[in-house]
Amino acid sequence: MLFLIILVLTIASSYFLPWWTLAMIAFGAAYFFGKKPGQSFLSGFAAILVAWTVLALIQTLPNNNILADRVAKLMQLHNWVFLLLATGLIGGLVGGMSALSGVLIRKAFTKP
């Protein structure tokens, strides 16, 4: 459930809000719906990884990957797919750490 909440909210907000709002979405969703720290991290990581990969594919496929291929060459990557994976990995780490922070903050301020 946490995975789907983060995924849907991230994809919906990515068209209107800056990139860093994904951290607030993952934090808030894990704060209210997260149960275990490890599970929250994986849910945040996977949801943002999937969301950013899909959003990057939506942007790059209509133009035959021309810009993505050029940026990949600038970053000394062999293919635009590696750039896509790097983008998803960076976003996934931000989302995972935010979700982990959300569930740990809730645990710190609630009674056991």
N, C-alpha and C. Protein backbone atom coordinates (compact mmCIF):
# COMPACT_ATOMS: atom_id res chain seq x y z
N MET A 1 0.82 -1.18 0.00
CA MET A 1 0.00 0.00 0.00
C MET A 1 0.87 1.26 0.00
N LEU A 2 1.92 1.25 0.80
CA LEU A 2 2.82 2.40 0.86
C LEU A 2 3.47 2.64 -0.51
N PHE A 3 3.85 1.56 -1.17
CA PHE A 3 4.45 1.66 -2.50
C PHE A 3 3.51 2.38 -3.46
N LEU A 4 2.25 1.96 -3.49
CA LEU A 4 1.29 2.56 -4.42
C LEU A 4 0.99 4.01 -4.10
N ILE A 5 0.91 4.34 -2.83
CA ILE A 5 0.65 5.73 -2.44
C ILE A 5 1.78 6.63 -2.91
N ILE A 6 3.00 6.23 -2.66
CA ILE A 6 4.15 7.04 -3.06
C ILE A 6 4.24 7.13 -4.58
N LEU A 7 4.01 6.01 -5.25
CA LEU A 7 4.10 5.98 -6.71
C LEU A 7 3.07 6.90 -7.36
N VAL A 8 1.83 6.79 -6.96
CA VAL A 8 0.77 7.59 -7.58
C VAL A 8 0.95 9.07 -7.28
N LEU A 9 1.25 9.41 -6.03
CA LEU A 9 1.42 10.82 -5.68
C LEU A 9 2.64 11.44 -6.37
N THR A 10 3.71 10.67 -6.53
CA THR A 10 4.90 11.18 -7.19
C THR A 10 4.66 11.43 -8.67
N ILE A 11 4.01 10.48 -9.33
CA ILE A 11 3.74 10.66 -10.75
C ILE A 11 2.78 11.82 -10.96
N ALA A 12 1.75 11.93 -10.12
CA ALA A 12 0.78 13.01 -10.27
C ALA A 12 1.40 14.38 -10.00
N SER A 13 2.28 14.45 -9.02
CA SER A 13 2.84 15.76 -8.67
C SER A 13 4.04 16.16 -9.52
N SER A 14 4.62 15.23 -10.24
CA SER A 14 5.83 15.54 -11.00
C SER A 14 5.59 16.50 -12.15
N TYR A 15 4.36 16.62 -12.59
CA TYR A 15 4.06 17.52 -13.70
C TYR A 15 3.85 18.96 -13.23
N PHE A 16 3.60 19.16 -11.93
CA PHE A 16 3.29 20.49 -11.44
C PHE A 16 4.28 21.03 -10.42
N LEU A 17 4.98 20.16 -9.72
CA LEU A 17 5.83 20.57 -8.61
C LEU A 17 7.29 20.23 -8.90
N PRO A 18 8.23 20.83 -8.17
CA PRO A 18 9.66 20.53 -8.38
C PRO A 18 10.01 19.09 -8.01
N TRP A 19 11.21 18.68 -8.41
CA TRP A 19 11.63 17.29 -8.22
C TRP A 19 11.73 16.91 -6.75
N TRP A 20 12.09 17.84 -5.89
CA TRP A 20 12.34 17.52 -4.50
C TRP A 20 11.07 17.28 -3.70
N THR A 21 9.91 17.50 -4.28
CA THR A 21 8.68 17.20 -3.56
C THR A 21 8.49 15.70 -3.37
N LEU A 22 9.21 14.90 -4.15
CA LEU A 22 9.14 13.45 -3.95
C LEU A 22 9.61 13.08 -2.56
N ALA A 23 10.56 13.82 -2.02
CA ALA A 23 11.05 13.54 -0.66
C ALA A 23 9.95 13.82 0.36
N MET A 24 9.22 14.89 0.18
CA MET A 24 8.13 15.20 1.10
C MET A 24 6.99 14.19 0.99
N ILE A 25 6.73 13.75 -0.24
CA ILE A 25 5.68 12.74 -0.44
C ILE A 25 6.06 11.43 0.23
N ALA A 26 7.28 10.97 0.01
CA ALA A 26 7.73 9.72 0.62
C ALA A 26 7.77 9.82 2.14
N PHE A 27 8.23 10.96 2.65
CA PHE A 27 8.29 11.17 4.09
C PHE A 27 6.89 11.13 4.69
N GLY A 28 5.97 11.89 4.12
CA GLY A 28 4.61 11.95 4.65
C GLY A 28 3.88 10.62 4.55
N ALA A 29 4.03 9.94 3.43
CA ALA A 29 3.36 8.65 3.26
C ALA A 29 3.90 7.63 4.26
N ALA A 30 5.21 7.61 4.46
CA ALA A 30 5.79 6.66 5.41
C ALA A 30 5.45 7.04 6.85
N TYR A 31 5.33 8.33 7.11
CA TYR A 31 4.96 8.77 8.46
C TYR A 31 3.57 8.27 8.83
N PHE A 32 2.64 8.37 7.89
CA PHE A 32 1.26 7.99 8.19
C PHE A 32 0.96 6.51 7.94
N PHE A 33 1.61 5.90 6.96
CA PHE A 33 1.24 4.54 6.58
C PHE A 33 2.36 3.51 6.78
N GLY A 34 3.58 3.95 7.06
CA GLY A 34 4.69 3.03 7.21
C GLY A 34 4.62 2.24 8.50
N LYS A 35 5.05 0.98 8.45
CA LYS A 35 5.00 0.14 9.63
C LYS A 35 6.40 -0.24 10.13
N LYS A 36 7.25 -0.69 9.23
CA LYS A 36 8.60 -1.10 9.59
C LYS A 36 9.60 -0.25 8.82
N PRO A 37 10.74 0.07 9.44
CA PRO A 37 11.73 0.91 8.75
C PRO A 37 12.26 0.30 7.46
N GLY A 38 12.61 -0.98 7.48
CA GLY A 38 13.15 -1.61 6.28
C GLY A 38 12.15 -1.67 5.15
N GLN A 39 10.92 -2.01 5.50
CA GLN A 39 9.86 -2.07 4.50
C GLN A 39 9.56 -0.69 3.93
N SER A 40 9.60 0.33 4.76
CA SER A 40 9.35 1.69 4.30
C SER A 40 10.46 2.16 3.36
N PHE A 41 11.70 1.84 3.71
CA PHE A 41 12.80 2.22 2.82
C PHE A 41 12.64 1.57 1.45
N LEU A 42 12.37 0.27 1.44
CA LEU A 42 12.23 -0.43 0.17
C LEU A 42 11.03 0.07 -0.63
N SER A 43 9.94 0.38 0.04
CA SER A 43 8.77 0.91 -0.65
C SER A 43 9.07 2.27 -1.27
N GLY A 44 9.71 3.15 -0.51
CA GLY A 44 10.07 4.46 -1.04
C GLY A 44 11.07 4.37 -2.17
N PHE A 45 12.06 3.51 -2.00
CA PHE A 45 13.09 3.34 -3.03
C PHE A 45 12.47 2.81 -4.32
N ALA A 46 11.69 1.74 -4.21
CA ALA A 46 11.12 1.12 -5.40
C ALA A 46 10.09 2.02 -6.08
N ALA A 47 9.28 2.71 -5.31
CA ALA A 47 8.25 3.57 -5.90
C ALA A 47 8.87 4.72 -6.68
N ILE A 48 9.87 5.36 -6.13
CA ILE A 48 10.51 6.48 -6.83
C ILE A 48 11.35 5.98 -7.99
N LEU A 49 12.00 4.84 -7.84
CA LEU A 49 12.76 4.25 -8.94
C LEU A 49 11.84 3.99 -10.13
N VAL A 50 10.71 3.38 -9.89
CA VAL A 50 9.76 3.10 -10.96
C VAL A 50 9.18 4.39 -11.53
N ALA A 51 8.80 5.31 -10.65
CA ALA A 51 8.19 6.56 -11.11
C ALA A 51 9.15 7.37 -11.98
N TRP A 52 10.38 7.55 -11.53
CA TRP A 52 11.32 8.35 -12.30
C TRP A 52 11.73 7.65 -13.58
N THR A 53 11.84 6.33 -13.56
CA THR A 53 12.18 5.61 -14.78
C THR A 53 11.06 5.74 -15.81
N VAL A 54 9.83 5.58 -15.37
CA VAL A 54 8.70 5.72 -16.29
C VAL A 54 8.59 7.14 -16.81
N LEU A 55 8.73 8.12 -15.94
CA LEU A 55 8.65 9.52 -16.37
C LEU A 55 9.78 9.88 -17.33
N ALA A 56 10.97 9.36 -17.09
CA ALA A 56 12.07 9.62 -18.02
C ALA A 56 11.84 8.95 -19.37
N LEU A 57 11.28 7.75 -19.35
CA LEU A 57 10.95 7.08 -20.61
C LEU A 57 9.89 7.84 -21.39
N ILE A 58 8.90 8.36 -20.69
CA ILE A 58 7.86 9.14 -21.36
C ILE A 58 8.46 10.37 -22.04
N GLN A 59 9.48 10.95 -21.42
CA GLN A 59 10.11 12.14 -22.00
C GLN A 59 11.06 11.82 -23.14
N THR A 60 11.73 10.68 -23.08
CA THR A 60 12.79 10.41 -24.04
C THR A 60 12.35 9.61 -25.26
N LEU A 61 11.35 8.79 -25.15
CA LEU A 61 10.96 7.94 -26.27
C LEU A 61 10.38 8.71 -27.47
N PRO A 62 9.60 9.76 -27.27
CA PRO A 62 9.06 10.45 -28.45
C PRO A 62 10.12 11.09 -29.36
N ASN A 63 11.29 11.42 -28.85
CA ASN A 63 12.32 12.05 -29.68
C ASN A 63 13.47 11.12 -30.03
N ASN A 64 13.20 9.81 -30.02
CA ASN A 64 14.20 8.79 -30.38
C ASN A 64 15.45 8.86 -29.51
N ASN A 65 15.33 9.28 -28.28
CA ASN A 65 16.41 9.28 -27.29
C ASN A 65 17.60 10.15 -27.69
N ILE A 66 17.39 11.15 -28.49
CA ILE A 66 18.50 11.98 -28.97
C ILE A 66 19.16 12.71 -27.81
N LEU A 67 18.37 13.43 -27.01
CA LEU A 67 18.95 14.19 -25.91
C LEU A 67 19.53 13.27 -24.84
N ALA A 68 18.82 12.20 -24.52
CA ALA A 68 19.32 11.26 -23.51
C ALA A 68 20.63 10.62 -23.95
N ASP A 69 20.75 10.33 -25.24
CA ASP A 69 21.98 9.73 -25.74
C ASP A 69 23.14 10.72 -25.66
N ARG A 70 22.88 11.97 -25.96
CA ARG A 70 23.94 12.99 -25.88
C ARG A 70 24.38 13.25 -24.45
N VAL A 71 23.42 13.29 -23.53
CA VAL A 71 23.77 13.49 -22.12
C VAL A 71 24.53 12.28 -21.59
N ALA A 72 24.15 11.09 -22.03
CA ALA A 72 24.86 9.88 -21.61
C ALA A 72 26.30 9.91 -22.09
N LYS A 73 26.51 10.40 -23.31
CA LYS A 73 27.88 10.51 -23.80
C LYS A 73 28.68 11.56 -23.03
N LEU A 74 28.02 12.66 -22.65
CA LEU A 74 28.69 13.67 -21.84
C LEU A 74 29.13 13.11 -20.49
N MET A 75 28.32 12.23 -19.94
CA MET A 75 28.63 11.63 -18.64
C MET A 75 29.46 10.36 -18.78
N GLN A 76 29.93 10.09 -19.96
CA GLN A 76 30.79 8.96 -20.30
C GLN A 76 30.10 7.62 -19.98
N LEU A 77 28.82 7.57 -20.28
CA LEU A 77 28.07 6.33 -20.20
C LEU A 77 27.94 5.78 -21.62
N HIS A 78 27.87 4.47 -21.75
CA HIS A 78 27.87 3.86 -23.07
C HIS A 78 26.54 3.98 -23.79
N ASN A 79 25.46 4.12 -23.04
CA ASN A 79 24.15 4.07 -23.65
C ASN A 79 23.19 4.94 -22.84
N TRP A 80 22.10 5.38 -23.45
CA TRP A 80 21.13 6.20 -22.75
C TRP A 80 20.38 5.40 -21.69
N VAL A 81 20.37 4.09 -21.81
CA VAL A 81 19.70 3.24 -20.82
C VAL A 81 20.42 3.34 -19.47
N PHE A 82 21.73 3.45 -19.49
CA PHE A 82 22.48 3.61 -18.25
C PHE A 82 22.16 4.94 -17.58
N LEU A 83 21.95 5.96 -18.38
CA LEU A 83 21.54 7.26 -17.85
C LEU A 83 20.16 7.15 -17.20
N LEU A 84 19.28 6.42 -17.84
CA LEU A 84 17.95 6.20 -17.30
C LEU A 84 18.02 5.45 -15.97
N LEU A 85 18.85 4.43 -15.89
CA LEU A 85 19.01 3.68 -14.64
C LEU A 85 19.66 4.53 -13.55
N ALA A 86 20.62 5.36 -13.92
CA ALA A 86 21.26 6.24 -12.93
C ALA A 86 20.25 7.25 -12.39
N THR A 87 19.40 7.77 -13.26
CA THR A 87 18.36 8.70 -12.82
C THR A 87 17.41 8.03 -11.85
N GLY A 88 16.98 6.83 -12.17
CA GLY A 88 16.09 6.10 -11.28
C GLY A 88 16.75 5.75 -9.96
N LEU A 89 18.02 5.40 -10.00
CA LEU A 89 18.75 5.04 -8.78
C LEU A 89 18.90 6.24 -7.84
N ILE A 90 19.22 7.38 -8.40
CA ILE A 90 19.36 8.59 -7.57
C ILE A 90 18.02 8.96 -6.95
N GLY A 91 16.98 8.95 -7.74
CA GLY A 91 15.65 9.23 -7.20
C GLY A 91 15.23 8.20 -6.18
N GLY A 92 15.54 6.94 -6.43
CA GLY A 92 15.19 5.88 -5.49
C GLY A 92 15.88 6.05 -4.15
N LEU A 93 17.13 6.45 -4.17
CA LEU A 93 17.83 6.67 -2.90
C LEU A 93 17.22 7.83 -2.12
N VAL A 94 16.85 8.90 -2.81
CA VAL A 94 16.20 10.02 -2.14
C VAL A 94 14.86 9.59 -1.55
N GLY A 95 14.08 8.86 -2.33
CA GLY A 95 12.79 8.40 -1.85
C GLY A 95 12.90 7.40 -0.71
N GLY A 96 13.87 6.50 -0.80
CA GLY A 96 14.06 5.52 0.27
C GLY A 96 14.49 6.16 1.57
N MET A 97 15.43 7.07 1.49
CA MET A 97 15.90 7.75 2.71
C MET A 97 14.79 8.62 3.31
N SER A 98 13.98 9.24 2.48
CA SER A 98 12.88 10.06 2.99
C SER A 98 11.83 9.20 3.67
N ALA A 99 11.49 8.07 3.05
CA ALA A 99 10.52 7.17 3.67
C ALA A 99 11.05 6.60 4.98
N LEU A 100 12.31 6.24 5.00
CA LEU A 100 12.92 5.74 6.23
C LEU A 100 12.89 6.81 7.32
N SER A 101 13.19 8.04 6.95
CA SER A 101 13.14 9.14 7.93
C SER A 101 11.73 9.34 8.46
N GLY A 102 10.74 9.23 7.59
CA GLY A 102 9.35 9.42 8.02
C GLY A 102 8.92 8.40 9.05
N VAL A 103 9.22 7.13 8.82
CA VAL A 103 8.79 6.10 9.76
C VAL A 103 9.61 6.17 11.05
N LEU A 104 10.87 6.56 10.98
CA LEU A 104 11.68 6.66 12.19
C LEU A 104 11.29 7.87 13.04
N ILE A 105 10.91 8.97 12.40
CA ILE A 105 10.43 10.14 13.15
C ILE A 105 9.15 9.80 13.89
N ARG A 106 8.24 9.09 13.21
CA ARG A 106 7.01 8.70 13.89
C ARG A 106 7.29 7.80 15.08
N LYS A 107 8.22 6.85 14.90
CA LYS A 107 8.57 5.97 16.03
C LYS A 107 9.23 6.73 17.16
N ALA A 108 9.97 7.76 16.85
CA ALA A 108 10.68 8.52 17.89
C ALA A 108 9.70 9.35 18.74
N PHE A 109 8.61 9.79 18.12
CA PHE A 109 7.70 10.69 18.84
C PHE A 109 6.41 10.03 19.31
N THR A 110 6.27 8.74 19.12
CA THR A 110 5.08 8.06 19.64
C THR A 110 5.48 7.15 20.79
N LYS A 111 4.51 6.86 21.62
CA LYS A 111 4.77 6.00 22.78
C LYS A 111 4.84 4.56 22.31
N PRO A 112 5.73 3.76 22.91
CA PRO A 112 5.85 2.35 22.50
C PRO A 112 4.69 1.49 22.90
